[in-house]
Amino acid sequence: MTEQTAPVIFEAKGGVGIVSLNQPEKRNSFTDEMLYDLLEKLEQAASDPEIRVIVLTGNGKSFSVGGDLDEFAAGEFKTVDIPHETSVSKLRNFMRVSQYLRTSEKVTIAAINGACAGAGLSVAAACDLRFASTKSVFRTAFIDAGLSGDFGGTWSLVRLLGEARAKELYLLNQKLTPEDALRIGLVSWVESHETFMPRVLAEAEALAAKPPIAMKLIKKNLTEEHANFLEALEVEADRHVFCGYTDDAVEAAAAFLEKREPNYTGK
């Protein structure tokens, strides 16, 4: 197997790591092989100190349609010689994909180039930002597959869209167009398919040029769960003052006053 035929392809472009699902003939469905490779590539991107933004996308016409229906039809979960706890442990390990995307210090972007359904939608929802091509389409899909949902989608979509909207998507299994996704706030913008990836990469490169310490701590502020508002204020104050002591904060102020582009070092 060469890098170009691997289930997942990883490419670093400066401060941006591009992770591409690479089984277009299967609509980038989540086979075991792909998920093992995806975990490895996400770990590689997350551990690279030069990478500040991770872009997840799909090669071909789909972002990902989620679980492999061929495996489900073969009775994957009903295999009699595999204990229930073993199957749960295996799935939970694979679900670290969503965990990485949400909790990594890097900013994560789902570049949704086509069909995005089931666990594919759950994974996209775990990212910090979602951008959509005009050829994208969205559906939870679980209920009509006789499944309850995985990869954190039920948790993420409630927080992104509200409980009522998340329940509509999961229980009614509505298909969303790119315009629908934009209207309800699932994606930040929709771009013509022909210019989609250049715009995604331009956005990612612009983010990668931001002050890295501030960007990391902003993500923590927005992602972490706190017991109450007062606890959030304490954490926010501590991180804000910490950023104020960094060289990057000094550089940001100097660049603004001198009307020039800043040069951040992450110090």
C-alpha atoms as a PDB file:
ATOM      1  CA  MET A   1       0.000   0.000   0.000  1.00  0.00           C
ATOM      2  CA  THR A   2       1.353   3.406  -0.973  1.00  0.00           C
ATOM      3  CA  GLU A   3       0.570   6.665   0.792  1.00  0.00           C
ATOM      4  CA  GLN A   4      -1.794   7.641  -2.024  1.00  0.00           C
ATOM      5  CA  THR A   5      -3.775   4.394  -1.717  1.00  0.00           C
ATOM      6  CA  ALA A   6      -3.927   4.404   2.093  1.00  0.00           C
ATOM      7  CA  PRO A   7      -7.407   4.681   3.665  1.00  0.00           C
ATOM      8  CA  VAL A   8      -6.426   8.103   5.036  1.00  0.00           C
ATOM      9  CA  ILE A   9      -3.906  10.554   3.618  1.00  0.00           C
ATOM     10  CA  PHE A  10      -2.079  13.109   5.741  1.00  0.00           C
ATOM     11  CA  GLU A  11      -0.333  16.167   4.300  1.00  0.00           C
ATOM     12  CA  ALA A  12       1.313  19.060   6.127  1.00  0.00           C
ATOM     13  CA  LYS A  13       1.291  22.477   4.468  1.00  0.00           C
ATOM     14  CA  GLY A  14       3.054  24.895   6.775  1.00  0.00           C
ATOM     15  CA  GLY A  15       0.899  25.322   9.845  1.00  0.00           C
ATOM     16  CA  VAL A  16      -2.003  23.343   8.357  1.00  0.00           C
ATOM     17  CA  GLY A  17      -2.398  19.565   8.487  1.00  0.00           C
ATOM     18  CA  ILE A  18      -4.799  18.110   5.904  1.00  0.00           C
ATOM     19  CA  VAL A  19      -6.310  14.731   6.784  1.00  0.00           C
ATOM     20  CA  SER A  20      -8.209  13.244   3.844  1.00  0.00           C
ATOM     21  CA  LEU A  21     -10.473  10.208   4.024  1.00  0.00           C
ATOM     22  CA  ASN A  22      -9.440   8.188   0.998  1.00  0.00           C
ATOM     23  CA  GLN A  23     -11.935   5.446   0.201  1.00  0.00           C
ATOM     24  CA  PRO A  24     -14.119   7.264  -2.348  1.00  0.00           C
ATOM     25  CA  GLU A  25     -15.394   3.988  -3.815  1.00  0.00           C
ATOM     26  CA  LYS A  26     -16.979   3.299  -0.402  1.00  0.00           C
ATOM     27  CA  ARG A  27     -18.135   6.919  -0.016  1.00  0.00           C
ATOM     28  CA  ASN A  28     -15.497   7.184   2.730  1.00  0.00           C
ATOM     29  CA  SER A  29     -17.501   4.933   5.038  1.00  0.00           C
ATOM     30  CA  PHE A  30     -15.848   4.085   8.334  1.00  0.00           C
ATOM     31  CA  THR A  31     -14.375   0.618   7.937  1.00  0.00           C
ATOM     32  CA  ASP A  32     -12.130  -0.706  10.698  1.00  0.00           C
ATOM     33  CA  GLU A  33      -9.129  -0.214   8.428  1.00  0.00           C
ATOM     34  CA  MET A  34      -9.986   3.429   7.818  1.00  0.00           C
ATOM     35  CA  LEU A  35     -10.645   4.181  11.487  1.00  0.00           C
ATOM     36  CA  TYR A  36      -7.339   2.676  12.646  1.00  0.00           C
ATOM     37  CA  ASP A  37      -5.567   4.749   9.994  1.00  0.00           C
ATOM     38  CA  LEU A  38      -7.575   7.872  10.845  1.00  0.00           C
ATOM     39  CA  LEU A  39      -6.613   7.627  14.523  1.00  0.00           C
ATOM     40  CA  GLU A  40      -2.969   7.285  13.527  1.00  0.00           C
ATOM     41  CA  LYS A  41      -3.079  10.283  11.171  1.00  0.00           C
ATOM     42  CA  LEU A  42      -4.893  12.476  13.691  1.00  0.00           C
ATOM     43  CA  GLU A  43      -2.311  11.570  16.348  1.00  0.00           C
ATOM     44  CA  GLN A  44       0.414  12.481  13.856  1.00  0.00           C
ATOM     45  CA  ALA A  45      -1.163  15.853  13.146  1.00  0.00           C
ATOM     46  CA  ALA A  46      -1.917  16.574  16.804  1.00  0.00           C
ATOM     47  CA  SER A  47       1.662  15.818  17.883  1.00  0.00           C
ATOM     48  CA  ASP A  48       3.339  17.946  15.193  1.00  0.00           C
ATOM     49  CA  PRO A  49       4.383  21.242  16.865  1.00  0.00           C
ATOM     50  CA  GLU A  50       4.434  23.058  13.510  1.00  0.00           C
ATOM     51  CA  ILE A  51       0.768  22.314  12.798  1.00  0.00           C
ATOM     52  CA  ARG A  52      -1.776  24.679  14.327  1.00  0.00           C
ATOM     53  CA  VAL A  53      -4.889  23.829  12.300  1.00  0.00           C
ATOM     54  CA  ILE A  54      -6.180  20.395  11.239  1.00  0.00           C
ATOM     55  CA  VAL A  55      -8.497  20.141   8.211  1.00  0.00           C
ATOM     56  CA  LEU A  56     -10.512  16.926   7.848  1.00  0.00           C
ATOM     57  CA  THR A  57     -12.059  16.253   4.447  1.00  0.00           C
ATOM     58  CA  GLY A  58     -12.967  13.423   2.087  1.00  0.00           C
ATOM     59  CA  ASN A  59     -11.592  12.476  -1.309  1.00  0.00           C
ATOM     60  CA  GLY A  60     -14.110  11.881  -4.081  1.00  0.00           C
ATOM     61  CA  LYS A  61     -17.773  12.842  -3.906  1.00  0.00           C
ATOM     62  CA  SER A  62     -18.356  12.236  -0.187  1.00  0.00           C
ATOM     63  CA  PHE A  63     -17.085  13.584   3.110  1.00  0.00           C
ATOM     64  CA  SER A  64     -18.187  10.376   4.855  1.00  0.00           C
ATOM     65  CA  VAL A  65     -21.463   8.483   4.975  1.00  0.00           C
ATOM     66  CA  GLY A  66     -20.549   6.959   8.337  1.00  0.00           C
ATOM     67  CA  GLY A  67     -20.593   3.252   9.169  1.00  0.00           C
ATOM     68  CA  ASP A  68     -20.045   0.620   6.506  1.00  0.00           C
ATOM     69  CA  LEU A  69     -23.515  -0.805   5.738  1.00  0.00           C
ATOM     70  CA  ASP A  70     -21.942  -3.915   4.228  1.00  0.00           C
ATOM     71  CA  GLU A  71     -20.530  -4.743   7.649  1.00  0.00           C
ATOM     72  CA  PHE A  72     -23.857  -3.998   9.371  1.00  0.00           C
ATOM     73  CA  ALA A  73     -25.766  -6.173   6.875  1.00  0.00           C
ATOM     74  CA  ALA A  74     -23.356  -9.005   7.634  1.00  0.00           C
ATOM     75  CA  GLY A  75     -24.410  -8.754  11.291  1.00  0.00           C
ATOM     76  CA  GLU A  76     -21.256  -7.114  12.605  1.00  0.00           C
ATOM     77  CA  PHE A  77     -22.714  -6.450  16.057  1.00  0.00           C
ATOM     78  CA  LYS A  78     -24.393  -9.859  16.306  1.00  0.00           C
ATOM     79  CA  THR A  79     -21.285 -12.010  15.904  1.00  0.00           C
ATOM     80  CA  VAL A  80     -21.887 -14.608  18.579  1.00  0.00           C
ATOM     81  CA  ASP A  81     -18.277 -15.193  19.611  1.00  0.00           C
ATOM     82  CA  ILE A  82     -17.550 -11.534  20.450  1.00  0.00           C
ATOM     83  CA  PRO A  83     -18.704 -10.421  23.914  1.00  0.00           C
ATOM     84  CA  HIS A  84     -20.794  -7.253  24.143  1.00  0.00           C
ATOM     85  CA  GLU A  85     -18.137  -5.549  26.279  1.00  0.00           C
ATOM     86  CA  THR A  86     -15.479  -6.267  23.645  1.00  0.00           C
ATOM     87  CA  SER A  87     -17.555  -4.637  20.900  1.00  0.00           C
ATOM     88  CA  VAL A  88     -18.242  -1.617  23.111  1.00  0.00           C
ATOM     89  CA  SER A  89     -14.531  -1.263  23.901  1.00  0.00           C
ATOM     90  CA  LYS A  90     -13.624  -1.468  20.209  1.00  0.00           C
ATOM     91  CA  LEU A  91     -16.184   1.169  19.230  1.00  0.00           C
ATOM     92  CA  ARG A  92     -15.158   3.438  22.091  1.00  0.00           C
ATOM     93  CA  ASN A  93     -11.558   3.234  20.909  1.00  0.00           C
ATOM     94  CA  PHE A  94     -12.603   4.261  17.398  1.00  0.00           C
ATOM     95  CA  MET A  95     -14.665   7.117  18.847  1.00  0.00           C
ATOM     96  CA  ARG A  96     -11.406   8.701  19.988  1.00  0.00           C
ATOM     97  CA  VAL A  97     -11.518  10.256  16.503  1.00  0.00           C
ATOM     98  CA  SER A  98     -14.203  12.668  17.732  1.00  0.00           C
ATOM     99  CA  GLN A  99     -12.363  13.080  21.030  1.00  0.00           C
ATOM    100  CA  TYR A 100      -9.169  14.160  19.254  1.00  0.00           C
ATOM    101  CA  LEU A 101     -11.024  16.628  17.058  1.00  0.00           C
ATOM    102  CA  ARG A 102     -12.809  18.265  19.980  1.00  0.00           C
ATOM    103  CA  THR A 103     -10.080  18.225  22.645  1.00  0.00           C
ATOM    104  CA  SER A 104      -6.910  18.690  20.595  1.00  0.00           C
ATOM    105  CA  GLU A 105      -5.121  21.986  21.155  1.00  0.00           C
ATOM    106  CA  LYS A 106      -5.196  22.467  17.388  1.00  0.00           C
ATOM    107  CA  VAL A 107      -8.165  24.174  15.763  1.00  0.00           C
ATOM    108  CA  THR A 108     -10.069  21.541  13.768  1.00  0.00           C
ATOM    109  CA  ILE A 109     -12.053  22.169  10.591  1.00  0.00           C
ATOM    110  CA  ALA A 110     -14.458  19.796   8.833  1.00  0.00           C
ATOM    111  CA  ALA A 111     -14.276  20.590   5.111  1.00  0.00           C
ATOM    112  CA  ILE A 112     -17.531  18.952   4.034  1.00  0.00           C
ATOM    113  CA  ASN A 113     -17.180  18.366   0.310  1.00  0.00           C
ATOM    114  CA  GLY A 114     -20.110  15.994  -0.231  1.00  0.00           C
ATOM    115  CA  ALA A 115     -22.371  13.517   1.562  1.00  0.00           C
ATOM    116  CA  CYS A 116     -22.031  13.777   5.344  1.00  0.00           C
ATOM    117  CA  ALA A 117     -24.153  11.270   7.238  1.00  0.00           C
ATOM    118  CA  GLY A 118     -24.268   9.059  10.305  1.00  0.00           C
ATOM    119  CA  ALA A 119     -20.927   8.874  12.075  1.00  0.00           C
ATOM    120  CA  GLY A 120     -19.536  11.155   9.366  1.00  0.00           C
ATOM    121  CA  LEU A 121     -21.867  13.895  10.608  1.00  0.00           C
ATOM    122  CA  SER A 122     -20.951  13.093  14.221  1.00  0.00           C
ATOM    123  CA  VAL A 123     -17.258  13.509  13.431  1.00  0.00           C
ATOM    124  CA  ALA A 124     -17.882  16.767  11.573  1.00  0.00           C
ATOM    125  CA  ALA A 125     -19.872  18.044  14.564  1.00  0.00           C
ATOM    126  CA  ALA A 126     -16.890  17.321  16.844  1.00  0.00           C
ATOM    127  CA  CYS A 127     -14.740  19.773  14.871  1.00  0.00           C
ATOM    128  CA  ASP A 128     -14.409  23.406  15.904  1.00  0.00           C
ATOM    129  CA  LEU A 129     -15.576  24.725  12.525  1.00  0.00           C
ATOM    130  CA  ARG A 130     -17.554  23.275   9.626  1.00  0.00           C
ATOM    131  CA  PHE A 131     -17.433  24.588   6.058  1.00  0.00           C
ATOM    132  CA  ALA A 132     -19.621  23.177   3.286  1.00  0.00           C
ATOM    133  CA  SER A 133     -19.438  22.775  -0.468  1.00  0.00           C
ATOM    134  CA  THR A 134     -22.532  23.354  -2.588  1.00  0.00           C
ATOM    135  CA  LYS A 135     -22.424  19.576  -3.256  1.00  0.00           C
ATOM    136  CA  SER A 136     -22.706  18.660   0.415  1.00  0.00           C
ATOM    137  CA  VAL A 137     -25.742  16.998   1.951  1.00  0.00           C
ATOM    138  CA  PHE A 138     -26.379  16.103   5.603  1.00  0.00           C
ATOM    139  CA  ARG A 139     -28.370  13.402   7.395  1.00  0.00           C
ATOM    140  CA  THR A 140     -28.113  11.714  10.788  1.00  0.00           C
ATOM    141  CA  ALA A 141     -29.284   8.396   9.240  1.00  0.00           C
ATOM    142  CA  PHE A 142     -29.046   6.346  12.446  1.00  0.00           C
ATOM    143  CA  ILE A 143     -32.718   5.704  13.170  1.00  0.00           C
ATOM    144  CA  ASP A 144     -33.396   4.254   9.721  1.00  0.00           C
ATOM    145  CA  ALA A 145     -30.372   1.989  10.152  1.00  0.00           C
ATOM    146  CA  GLY A 146     -31.799   0.699  13.440  1.00  0.00           C
ATOM    147  CA  LEU A 147     -29.035   2.381  15.456  1.00  0.00           C
ATOM    148  CA  SER A 148     -28.961   4.981  18.234  1.00  0.00           C
ATOM    149  CA  GLY A 149     -25.892   7.002  17.212  1.00  0.00           C
ATOM    150  CA  ASP A 150     -22.172   7.091  17.939  1.00  0.00           C
ATOM    151  CA  PHE A 151     -19.020   9.221  17.700  1.00  0.00           C
ATOM    152  CA  GLY A 152     -20.532  11.846  20.010  1.00  0.00           C
ATOM    153  CA  GLY A 153     -23.070  13.218  17.581  1.00  0.00           C
ATOM    154  CA  THR A 154     -26.001  13.270  20.010  1.00  0.00           C
ATOM    155  CA  TRP A 155     -23.914  15.286  22.489  1.00  0.00           C
ATOM    156  CA  SER A 156     -22.368  17.629  19.910  1.00  0.00           C
ATOM    157  CA  LEU A 157     -25.499  18.458  17.924  1.00  0.00           C
ATOM    158  CA  VAL A 158     -27.504  19.314  21.049  1.00  0.00           C
ATOM    159  CA  ARG A 159     -24.825  21.861  21.966  1.00  0.00           C
ATOM    160  CA  LEU A 160     -24.384  23.170  18.440  1.00  0.00           C
ATOM    161  CA  LEU A 161     -28.044  23.444  17.446  1.00  0.00           C
ATOM    162  CA  GLY A 162     -30.124  23.072  20.622  1.00  0.00           C
ATOM    163  CA  GLU A 163     -32.040  20.069  21.903  1.00  0.00           C
ATOM    164  CA  ALA A 164     -35.166  20.612  19.808  1.00  0.00           C
ATOM    165  CA  ARG A 165     -33.299  20.831  16.503  1.00  0.00           C
ATOM    166  CA  ALA A 166     -31.045  17.884  17.363  1.00  0.00           C
ATOM    167  CA  LYS A 167     -34.085  15.761  18.161  1.00  0.00           C
ATOM    168  CA  GLU A 168     -35.640  16.703  14.809  1.00  0.00           C
ATOM    169  CA  LEU A 169     -32.513  15.640  12.958  1.00  0.00           C
ATOM    170  CA  TYR A 170     -32.127  12.351  14.818  1.00  0.00           C
ATOM    171  CA  LEU A 171     -35.763  11.275  15.074  1.00  0.00           C
ATOM    172  CA  LEU A 172     -37.112  12.545  11.748  1.00  0.00           C
ATOM    173  CA  ASN A 173     -33.879  11.815   9.836  1.00  0.00           C
ATOM    174  CA  GLN A 174     -34.325  14.922   7.716  1.00  0.00           C
ATOM    175  CA  LYS A 175     -31.991  15.459   4.788  1.00  0.00           C
ATOM    176  CA  LEU A 176     -30.358  18.892   4.907  1.00  0.00           C
ATOM    177  CA  THR A 177     -29.124  20.825   1.906  1.00  0.00           C
ATOM    178  CA  PRO A 178     -26.082  23.090   2.265  1.00  0.00           C
ATOM    179  CA  GLU A 179     -28.453  26.039   2.555  1.00  0.00           C
ATOM    180  CA  ASP A 180     -30.391  24.272   5.325  1.00  0.00           C
ATOM    181  CA  ALA A 181     -27.157  23.570   7.190  1.00  0.00           C
ATOM    182  CA  LEU A 182     -26.150  27.215   6.934  1.00  0.00           C
ATOM    183  CA  ARG A 183     -29.565  28.454   8.049  1.00  0.00           C
ATOM    184  CA  ILE A 184     -29.595  26.391  11.247  1.00  0.00           C
ATOM    185  CA  GLY A 185     -25.965  27.166  12.086  1.00  0.00           C
ATOM    186  CA  LEU A 186     -24.486  23.734  11.425  1.00  0.00           C
ATOM    187  CA  VAL A 187     -21.906  25.213   9.017  1.00  0.00           C
ATOM    188  CA  SER A 188     -20.232  28.615   8.903  1.00  0.00           C
ATOM    189  CA  TRP A 189     -20.438  29.134   5.171  1.00  0.00           C
ATOM    190  CA  VAL A 190     -21.214  27.444   1.852  1.00  0.00           C
ATOM    191  CA  GLU A 191     -18.921  27.777  -1.161  1.00  0.00           C
ATOM    192  CA  SER A 192     -19.158  26.713  -4.798  1.00  0.00           C
ATOM    193  CA  HIS A 193     -17.696  23.218  -5.145  1.00  0.00           C
ATOM    194  CA  GLU A 194     -15.127  24.400  -7.676  1.00  0.00           C
ATOM    195  CA  THR A 195     -13.590  26.933  -5.288  1.00  0.00           C
ATOM    196  CA  PHE A 196     -14.387  25.123  -2.046  1.00  0.00           C
ATOM    197  CA  MET A 197     -11.025  23.646  -1.030  1.00  0.00           C
ATOM    198  CA  PRO A 198      -9.009  26.764  -1.980  1.00  0.00           C
ATOM    199  CA  ARG A 199     -11.258  28.801   0.318  1.00  0.00           C
ATOM    200  CA  VAL A 200     -11.001  26.193   3.097  1.00  0.00           C
ATOM    201  CA  LEU A 201      -7.217  26.224   2.890  1.00  0.00           C
ATOM    202  CA  ALA A 202      -7.132  30.033   2.820  1.00  0.00           C
ATOM    203  CA  GLU A 203      -9.221  30.095   6.005  1.00  0.00           C
ATOM    204  CA  ALA A 204      -7.004  27.441   7.604  1.00  0.00           C
ATOM    205  CA  GLU A 205      -3.808  29.260   6.689  1.00  0.00           C
ATOM    206  CA  ALA A 206      -5.178  32.521   8.080  1.00  0.00           C
ATOM    207  CA  LEU A 207      -6.016  30.756  11.346  1.00  0.00           C
ATOM    208  CA  ALA A 208      -2.588  29.118  11.488  1.00  0.00           C
ATOM    209  CA  ALA A 209      -1.044  32.604  11.333  1.00  0.00           C
ATOM    210  CA  LYS A 210      -2.899  33.764  14.462  1.00  0.00           C
ATOM    211  CA  PRO A 211      -1.192  33.895  17.902  1.00  0.00           C
ATOM    212  CA  PRO A 212      -0.941  30.172  18.769  1.00  0.00           C
ATOM    213  CA  ILE A 213      -1.121  30.476  22.554  1.00  0.00           C
ATOM    214  CA  ALA A 214      -4.182  32.717  22.437  1.00  0.00           C
ATOM    215  CA  MET A 215      -5.839  30.450  19.859  1.00  0.00           C
ATOM    216  CA  LYS A 216      -5.216  27.353  21.986  1.00  0.00           C
ATOM    217  CA  LEU A 217      -6.630  28.985  25.114  1.00  0.00           C
ATOM    218  CA  ILE A 218      -9.641  30.444  23.298  1.00  0.00           C
ATOM    219  CA  LYS A 219     -10.470  26.908  22.162  1.00  0.00           C
ATOM    220  CA  LYS A 220     -10.130  25.663  25.743  1.00  0.00           C
ATOM    221  CA  ASN A 221     -12.414  28.439  27.002  1.00  0.00           C
ATOM    222  CA  LEU A 222     -15.047  27.558  24.423  1.00  0.00           C
ATOM    223  CA  THR A 223     -14.778  23.775  24.725  1.00  0.00           C
ATOM    224  CA  GLU A 224     -14.324  23.010  28.407  1.00  0.00           C
ATOM    225  CA  GLU A 225     -17.316  22.330  30.626  1.00  0.00           C
ATOM    226  CA  HIS A 226     -17.533  24.306  33.894  1.00  0.00           C
ATOM    227  CA  ALA A 227     -19.727  23.755  36.911  1.00  0.00           C
ATOM    228  CA  ASN A 228     -21.042  27.325  36.803  1.00  0.00           C
ATOM    229  CA  PHE A 229     -20.448  30.806  35.407  1.00  0.00           C
ATOM    230  CA  LEU A 230     -18.241  31.893  38.311  1.00  0.00           C
ATOM    231  CA  GLU A 231     -15.881  28.975  37.716  1.00  0.00           C
ATOM    232  CA  ALA A 232     -15.717  29.905  34.026  1.00  0.00           C
ATOM    233  CA  LEU A 233     -14.855  33.499  34.971  1.00  0.00           C
ATOM    234  CA  GLU A 234     -11.972  32.329  37.175  1.00  0.00           C
ATOM    235  CA  VAL A 235     -10.493  30.174  34.416  1.00  0.00           C
ATOM    236  CA  GLU A 236     -11.018  32.853  31.777  1.00  0.00           C
ATOM    237  CA  ALA A 237      -9.301  35.533  33.895  1.00  0.00           C
ATOM    238  CA  ASP A 238      -6.291  33.311  34.570  1.00  0.00           C
ATOM    239  CA  ARG A 239      -5.799  32.480  30.896  1.00  0.00           C
ATOM    240  CA  HIS A 240      -6.350  36.049  29.733  1.00  0.00           C
ATOM    241  CA  VAL A 241      -3.659  37.402  32.069  1.00  0.00           C
ATOM    242  CA  PHE A 242      -1.322  34.567  31.060  1.00  0.00           C
ATOM    243  CA  CYS A 243      -1.714  35.571  27.394  1.00  0.00           C
ATOM    244  CA  GLY A 244      -0.949  39.171  28.313  1.00  0.00           C
ATOM    245  CA  TYR A 245       2.527  38.140  29.446  1.00  0.00           C
ATOM    246  CA  THR A 246       3.416  36.448  26.154  1.00  0.00           C
ATOM    247  CA  ASP A 247       5.707  37.842  23.477  1.00  0.00           C
ATOM    248  CA  ASP A 248       2.862  37.346  21.002  1.00  0.00           C
ATOM    249  CA  ALA A 249       0.630  39.819  22.868  1.00  0.00           C
ATOM    250  CA  VAL A 250       3.403  42.414  22.727  1.00  0.00           C
ATOM    251  CA  GLU A 251       3.932  41.683  19.027  1.00  0.00           C
ATOM    252  CA  ALA A 252       0.191  41.986  18.308  1.00  0.00           C
ATOM    253  CA  ALA A 253       0.035  45.443  19.864  1.00  0.00           C
ATOM    254  CA  ALA A 254       3.248  46.595  18.152  1.00  0.00           C
ATOM    255  CA  ALA A 255       2.111  45.354  14.736  1.00  0.00           C
ATOM    256  CA  PHE A 256      -1.239  47.112  15.120  1.00  0.00           C
ATOM    257  CA  LEU A 257       0.398  50.432  16.045  1.00  0.00           C
ATOM    258  CA  GLU A 258       3.011  50.119  13.304  1.00  0.00           C
ATOM    259  CA  LYS A 259       0.393  49.083  10.715  1.00  0.00           C
ATOM    260  CA  ARG A 260       2.255  45.914   9.678  1.00  0.00           C
ATOM    261  CA  GLU A 261       1.625  42.188   9.639  1.00  0.00           C
ATOM    262  CA  PRO A 262       2.494  40.533  12.979  1.00  0.00           C
ATOM    263  CA  ASN A 263       5.051  37.741  13.302  1.00  0.00           C
ATOM    264  CA  TYR A 264       3.967  35.371  16.070  1.00  0.00           C
ATOM    265  CA  THR A 265       6.390  32.908  17.644  1.00  0.00           C
ATOM    266  CA  GLY A 266       4.157  31.099  20.092  1.00  0.00           C
ATOM    267  CA  LYS A 267       6.087  32.465  23.068  1.00  0.00           C
END
